[in-house]
C-alpha atoms as a PDB file:
ATOM      1  CA  MET A   1       8.819  -8.770  14.389  1.00  0.00           C
ATOM      2  CA  SER A   2      10.432  -8.465  11.037  1.00  0.00           C
ATOM      3  CA  SER A   3      13.408  -9.688   9.074  1.00  0.00           C
ATOM      4  CA  LEU A   4      15.048  -8.108   5.920  1.00  0.00           C
ATOM      5  CA  HIS A   5      14.161  -9.430   2.652  1.00  0.00           C
ATOM      6  CA  PRO A   6      17.226  -9.795   0.203  1.00  0.00           C
ATOM      7  CA  MET A   7      15.385  -7.814  -2.341  1.00  0.00           C
ATOM      8  CA  GLY A   8      15.379  -4.848   0.536  1.00  0.00           C
ATOM      9  CA  HIS A   9      11.847  -5.060   1.899  1.00  0.00           C
ATOM     10  CA  LEU A  10      10.646  -6.241   5.854  1.00  0.00           C
ATOM     11  CA  TYR A  11       8.205  -8.932   6.455  1.00  0.00           C
ATOM     12  CA  PRO A  12       7.107 -10.518   9.282  1.00  0.00           C
ATOM     13  CA  THR A  13       8.773 -13.699  10.683  1.00  0.00           C
ATOM     14  CA  ASN A  14       5.758 -15.734  12.174  1.00  0.00           C
ATOM     15  CA  PRO A  15       3.344 -14.937   9.354  1.00  0.00           C
ATOM     16  CA  LYS A  16      -0.354 -16.598   9.106  1.00  0.00           C
ATOM     17  CA  SER A  17      -1.352 -17.088   5.382  1.00  0.00           C
ATOM     18  CA  PRO A  18      -4.846 -17.178   4.366  1.00  0.00           C
ATOM     19  CA  THR A  19      -6.889 -20.004   3.442  1.00  0.00           C
ATOM     20  CA  SER A  20      -8.125 -18.540   0.135  1.00  0.00           C
ATOM     21  CA  PRO A  21      -7.305 -16.351  -2.142  1.00  0.00           C
ATOM     22  CA  PRO A  22      -9.333 -12.927  -1.860  1.00  0.00           C
ATOM     23  CA  ALA A  23     -12.302 -12.601  -4.146  1.00  0.00           C
ATOM     24  CA  ASN A  24     -11.041  -9.139  -5.270  1.00  0.00           C
ATOM     25  CA  ALA A  25      -8.693  -6.540  -4.287  1.00  0.00           C
ATOM     26  CA  LEU A  26      -8.814  -2.639  -4.581  1.00  0.00           C
ATOM     27  CA  ILE A  27      -4.983  -1.352  -4.656  1.00  0.00           C
ATOM     28  CA  LEU A  28      -5.262   1.934  -3.281  1.00  0.00           C
ATOM     29  CA  GLY A  29      -2.223   5.001  -3.948  1.00  0.00           C
ATOM     30  CA  ILE A  30      -1.989   7.136  -1.548  1.00  0.00           C
ATOM     31  CA  GLY A  31      -0.035  10.014  -0.818  1.00  0.00           C
ATOM     32  CA  ASN A  32       0.176  14.012  -2.190  1.00  0.00           C
ATOM     33  CA  ARG A  33       1.879  14.492  -5.393  1.00  0.00           C
ATOM     34  CA  LEU A  34       2.728  17.710  -4.574  1.00  0.00           C
ATOM     35  CA  MET A  35       5.603  16.678  -2.080  1.00  0.00           C
ATOM     36  CA  SER A  36       8.007  14.699  -4.409  1.00  0.00           C
ATOM     37  CA  ASP A  37       8.249  11.129  -3.178  1.00  0.00           C
ATOM     38  CA  ASP A  38       4.900  11.426  -0.875  1.00  0.00           C
ATOM     39  CA  GLY A  39       2.940  10.646  -4.276  1.00  0.00           C
ATOM     40  CA  ILE A  40       5.134   7.250  -4.967  1.00  0.00           C
ATOM     41  CA  GLY A  41       1.721   5.036  -4.209  1.00  0.00           C
ATOM     42  CA  VAL A  42      -0.078   7.138  -6.434  1.00  0.00           C
ATOM     43  CA  ALA A  43       2.908   7.008  -8.894  1.00  0.00           C
ATOM     44  CA  LEU A  44       2.881   3.349  -8.842  1.00  0.00           C
ATOM     45  CA  VAL A  45      -0.697   2.598  -8.958  1.00  0.00           C
ATOM     46  CA  GLU A  46      -1.263   4.987 -11.771  1.00  0.00           C
ATOM     47  CA  ALA A  47       1.150   3.352 -14.048  1.00  0.00           C
ATOM     48  CA  TRP A  48      -0.799   0.216 -13.410  1.00  0.00           C
ATOM     49  CA  GLN A  49      -3.652   1.499 -14.447  1.00  0.00           C
ATOM     50  CA  LYS A  50      -2.509   2.741 -17.805  1.00  0.00           C
ATOM     51  CA  GLU A  51      -1.009  -0.958 -18.204  1.00  0.00           C
ATOM     52  CA  GLN A  52      -4.211  -2.224 -17.185  1.00  0.00           C
ATOM     53  CA  GLU A  53      -6.092  -0.128 -19.641  1.00  0.00           C
ATOM     54  CA  ALA A  54      -3.707  -1.411 -22.486  1.00  0.00           C
ATOM     55  CA  GLY A  55      -4.711  -4.614 -22.044  1.00  0.00           C
ATOM     56  CA  CYS A  56      -1.747  -6.151 -19.978  1.00  0.00           C
ATOM     57  CA  PRO A  57      -3.149  -8.859 -18.166  1.00  0.00           C
ATOM     58  CA  THR A  58      -3.213  -9.295 -14.383  1.00  0.00           C
ATOM     59  CA  SER A  59      -3.158 -12.138 -11.960  1.00  0.00           C
ATOM     60  CA  GLY A  60      -6.567 -11.881 -10.556  1.00  0.00           C
ATOM     61  CA  PRO A  61      -9.559  -9.515 -10.342  1.00  0.00           C
ATOM     62  CA  ARG A  62      -8.349  -6.292  -9.159  1.00  0.00           C
ATOM     63  CA  THR A  63      -9.243  -2.775  -9.443  1.00  0.00           C
ATOM     64  CA  TYR A  64      -6.718   0.312  -9.027  1.00  0.00           C
ATOM     65  CA  CYS A  65      -7.551   3.160  -7.690  1.00  0.00           C
ATOM     66  CA  LEU A  66      -5.776   6.516  -7.025  1.00  0.00           C
ATOM     67  CA  GLY A  67      -7.077   7.993  -3.597  1.00  0.00           C
ATOM     68  CA  GLU A  68      -4.163  10.539  -3.540  1.00  0.00           C
ATOM     69  CA  SER A  69      -4.960  12.425   0.031  1.00  0.00           C
ATOM     70  CA  ASP A  70      -8.329  12.735  -0.432  1.00  0.00           C
ATOM     71  CA  VAL A  71      -9.583  10.648   2.937  1.00  0.00           C
ATOM     72  CA  ASP A  72     -13.415  10.865   1.977  1.00  0.00           C
ATOM     73  CA  TYR A  73     -13.114   9.496  -1.342  1.00  0.00           C
ATOM     74  CA  CYS A  74     -10.731   6.737  -0.217  1.00  0.00           C
ATOM     75  CA  ILE A  75     -13.429   5.908   2.607  1.00  0.00           C
ATOM     76  CA  ASN A  76     -15.955   5.671   0.163  1.00  0.00           C
ATOM     77  CA  GLN A  77     -13.582   3.418  -2.029  1.00  0.00           C
ATOM     78  CA  ILE A  78     -13.234   0.928   0.841  1.00  0.00           C
ATOM     79  CA  ALA A  79     -17.044   1.141   2.147  1.00  0.00           C
ATOM     80  CA  CYS A  80     -18.001  -0.563  -1.415  1.00  0.00           C
ATOM     81  CA  LEU A  81     -15.634  -3.650  -1.015  1.00  0.00           C
ATOM     82  CA  SER A  82     -17.391  -6.813   0.154  1.00  0.00           C
ATOM     83  CA  PRO A  83     -16.100  -8.582   3.283  1.00  0.00           C
ATOM     84  CA  GLY A  84     -13.931 -11.129   1.212  1.00  0.00           C
ATOM     85  CA  ASP A  85     -12.407  -8.667  -0.781  1.00  0.00           C
ATOM     86  CA  ALA A  86      -8.642  -7.811   0.135  1.00  0.00           C
ATOM     87  CA  LEU A  87      -7.509  -3.859   0.627  1.00  0.00           C
ATOM     88  CA  ILE A  88      -3.942  -2.860  -0.377  1.00  0.00           C
ATOM     89  CA  ILE A  89      -2.666   0.693   0.277  1.00  0.00           C
ATOM     90  CA  ILE A  90       0.303   1.869  -1.179  1.00  0.00           C
ATOM     91  CA  ASP A  91       1.920   5.175   0.402  1.00  0.00           C
ATOM     92  CA  ALA A  92       5.168   6.694   1.572  1.00  0.00           C
ATOM     93  CA  ALA A  93       6.233   6.254   5.455  1.00  0.00           C
ATOM     94  CA  TYR A  94       8.792   7.261   7.325  1.00  0.00           C
ATOM     95  CA  LEU A  95       9.764   4.211   8.794  1.00  0.00           C
ATOM     96  CA  GLY A  96      13.311   4.064   9.986  1.00  0.00           C
ATOM     97  CA  GLN A  97      14.684   2.120   7.353  1.00  0.00           C
ATOM     98  CA  GLN A  98      16.823   2.894   4.244  1.00  0.00           C
ATOM     99  CA  SER A  99      15.409   5.360   1.431  1.00  0.00           C
ATOM    100  CA  GLY A 100      13.381   3.117  -1.498  1.00  0.00           C
ATOM    101  CA  GLN A 101      13.099   0.113   1.014  1.00  0.00           C
ATOM    102  CA  ILE A 102       9.433  -1.682   0.837  1.00  0.00           C
ATOM    103  CA  THR A 103       7.975  -2.657   4.371  1.00  0.00           C
ATOM    104  CA  VAL A 104       4.927  -4.783   3.973  1.00  0.00           C
ATOM    105  CA  LEU A 105       2.635  -4.097   6.981  1.00  0.00           C
ATOM    106  CA  PRO A 106      -0.480  -6.299   7.810  1.00  0.00           C
ATOM    107  CA  TRP A 107      -3.481  -4.286   8.477  1.00  0.00           C
ATOM    108  CA  LYS A 108      -3.724  -6.206  12.275  1.00  0.00           C
ATOM    109  CA  GLN A 109      -0.201  -4.535  12.917  1.00  0.00           C
ATOM    110  CA  VAL A 110      -1.045  -1.518  11.577  1.00  0.00           C
ATOM    111  CA  PHE A 111      -4.186  -0.997  13.681  1.00  0.00           C
ATOM    112  CA  ALA A 112      -2.086  -2.255  16.870  1.00  0.00           C
ATOM    113  CA  GLU A 113       0.235   0.624  15.970  1.00  0.00           C
ATOM    114  CA  LEU A 114      -1.886   3.689  15.663  1.00  0.00           C
ATOM    115  CA  PRO A 115      -1.931   6.558  17.796  1.00  0.00           C
ATOM    116  CA  CYS A 116      -5.044   6.468  20.553  1.00  0.00           C
ATOM    117  CA  ARG A 117      -5.130   9.878  20.662  1.00  0.00           C
ATOM    118  CA  LEU A 118      -8.011  11.214  17.938  1.00  0.00           C
ATOM    119  CA  ASP A 119      -9.062  15.169  17.294  1.00  0.00           C
ATOM    120  CA  ALA A 120      -9.525  16.676  14.214  1.00  0.00           C
ATOM    121  CA  HIS A 121      -5.865  17.106  13.283  1.00  0.00           C
ATOM    122  CA  SER A 122      -4.733  13.925  14.260  1.00  0.00           C
ATOM    123  CA  TYR A 123      -7.487  11.762  12.129  1.00  0.00           C
ATOM    124  CA  HIS A 124      -5.893   9.571   9.614  1.00  0.00           C
ATOM    125  CA  LEU A 125      -7.382   7.270   6.705  1.00  0.00           C
ATOM    126  CA  PHE A 126      -6.228   3.880   8.863  1.00  0.00           C
ATOM    127  CA  HIS A 127      -8.449   5.155  11.835  1.00  0.00           C
ATOM    128  CA  ALA A 128     -11.447   5.191   9.680  1.00  0.00           C
ATOM    129  CA  LEU A 129     -10.253   1.606   8.168  1.00  0.00           C
ATOM    130  CA  ALA A 130      -9.912   0.153  11.728  1.00  0.00           C
ATOM    131  CA  LEU A 131     -13.330   1.157  12.373  1.00  0.00           C
ATOM    132  CA  LEU A 132     -14.679   0.277   8.890  1.00  0.00           C
ATOM    133  CA  ARG A 133     -13.267  -3.017   8.171  1.00  0.00           C
ATOM    134  CA  PRO A 134     -10.940  -4.137  11.715  1.00  0.00           C
ATOM    135  CA  GLN A 135     -10.593  -7.954   9.766  1.00  0.00           C
ATOM    136  CA  SER A 136      -9.243  -6.626   6.491  1.00  0.00           C
ATOM    137  CA  LEU A 137      -7.677  -8.842   4.326  1.00  0.00           C
ATOM    138  CA  GLY A 138      -4.664  -7.200   2.663  1.00  0.00           C
ATOM    139  CA  CYS A 139      -1.917  -4.865   3.782  1.00  0.00           C
ATOM    140  CA  LEU A 140      -0.072  -1.622   3.836  1.00  0.00           C
ATOM    141  CA  ILE A 141       3.044  -1.420   1.396  1.00  0.00           C
ATOM    142  CA  ALA A 142       5.208   1.184   2.543  1.00  0.00           C
ATOM    143  CA  ILE A 143       7.629   2.857   0.684  1.00  0.00           C
ATOM    144  CA  GLU A 144      10.501   4.872   2.729  1.00  0.00           C
ATOM    145  CA  PRO A 145      10.564   8.073   0.957  1.00  0.00           C
ATOM    146  CA  PHE A 146      14.232   9.938   0.043  1.00  0.00           C
ATOM    147  CA  SER A 147      12.687  13.667   0.145  1.00  0.00           C
ATOM    148  CA  LEU A 148       9.318  14.793   1.032  1.00  0.00           C
ATOM    149  CA  ASP A 149      10.068  18.110  -0.039  1.00  0.00           C
ATOM    150  CA  TRP A 150       7.839  20.684  -2.164  1.00  0.00           C
ATOM    151  CA  GLY A 151       7.890  19.138  -6.062  1.00  0.00           C
ATOM    152  CA  ASP A 152       5.117  17.716  -8.285  1.00  0.00           C
ATOM    153  CA  GLN A 153       7.989  14.896  -9.222  1.00  0.00           C
ATOM    154  CA  LEU A 154       9.415  12.024  -7.325  1.00  0.00           C
ATOM    155  CA  SER A 155      13.008  12.731  -6.238  1.00  0.00           C
ATOM    156  CA  PRO A 156      15.520  11.681  -8.527  1.00  0.00           C
ATOM    157  CA  ALA A 157      16.473   9.018  -6.167  1.00  0.00           C
ATOM    158  CA  MET A 158      12.894   7.727  -6.471  1.00  0.00           C
ATOM    159  CA  ALA A 159      12.608   8.216 -10.040  1.00  0.00           C
ATOM    160  CA  GLN A 160      16.127   5.976 -10.468  1.00  0.00           C
ATOM    161  CA  ARG A 161      14.360   2.956  -7.830  1.00  0.00           C
ATOM    162  CA  PHE A 162      10.787   3.487  -9.869  1.00  0.00           C
ATOM    163  CA  PRO A 163      10.997   0.762 -12.563  1.00  0.00           C
ATOM    164  CA  PHE A 164      12.226  -2.046  -9.787  1.00  0.00           C
ATOM    165  CA  LEU A 165       9.497  -0.665  -7.428  1.00  0.00           C
ATOM    166  CA  LEU A 166       7.094  -1.093 -10.338  1.00  0.00           C
ATOM    167  CA  LEU A 167       8.151  -4.804 -10.589  1.00  0.00           C
ATOM    168  CA  GLU A 168       8.604  -5.887  -6.909  1.00  0.00           C
ATOM    169  CA  VAL A 169       5.838  -4.153  -5.265  1.00  0.00           C
ATOM    170  CA  HIS A 170       3.100  -5.825  -7.630  1.00  0.00           C
ATOM    171  CA  ARG A 171       4.798  -9.296  -7.033  1.00  0.00           C
ATOM    172  CA  ILE A 172       4.431  -8.783  -3.729  1.00  0.00           C
ATOM    173  CA  ILE A 173       0.873  -7.633  -4.488  1.00  0.00           C
ATOM    174  CA  ASP A 174       0.646 -10.715  -6.667  1.00  0.00           C
ATOM    175  CA  ARG A 175       1.657 -13.191  -3.861  1.00  0.00           C
ATOM    176  CA  HIS A 176      -0.433 -11.987  -1.523  1.00  0.00           C
ATOM    177  CA  LEU A 177      -3.716 -11.973  -3.369  1.00  0.00           C
ATOM    178  CA  GLN A 178      -2.568 -15.733  -4.506  1.00  0.00           C
ATOM    179  CA  GLY A 179      -2.365 -16.767  -0.698  1.00  0.00           C
ATOM    180  CA  ARG A 180       1.347 -17.269  -0.860  1.00  0.00           C
ATOM    181  CA  SER A 181       2.202 -14.357   1.128  1.00  0.00           C
ATOM    182  CA  SER A 182       3.437 -13.938   4.208  1.00  0.00           C
ATOM    183  CA  TYR A 183       2.173 -10.284   5.122  1.00  0.00           C
ATOM    184  CA  VAL A 184      -1.207 -11.633   6.258  1.00  0.00           C
END
């Protein structure tokens, strides 16, 4: 069960907070840059990578990684995590919400809602994650797209919302990694 936060994202109403913050975090942006808003996770993580390279401080140890749509690369990055590390994946997702809205889903919920049908055409990164790290710390941060049409740039509506998303998703990550999150 979820409720709407005033900032425009969903969060669980019965949270379980971790007892201590994770040692490290992998922030993985996934999506296809050639399908406009499907690349929002990649665009956000790319912006934070540039900030980190420019020397901007972060509020804890974290690694930003562009997974794009390369499942094998993502699995290799996830496999390198230590058991106490958090994994936060940012991606576009149609969840029936308002376009541009942020939804935060704990891994336990994501794994519970995965389709059971597994074949070569329905296997997703999250199926591998459920096998590799079934007790994963972290969450999926899903952003409702405006458009998934062909295009190598975000839609005009998503581009306009990008500065807000950059700040708000970063705040969500900070709260999560500091152990003050309801997204566990």
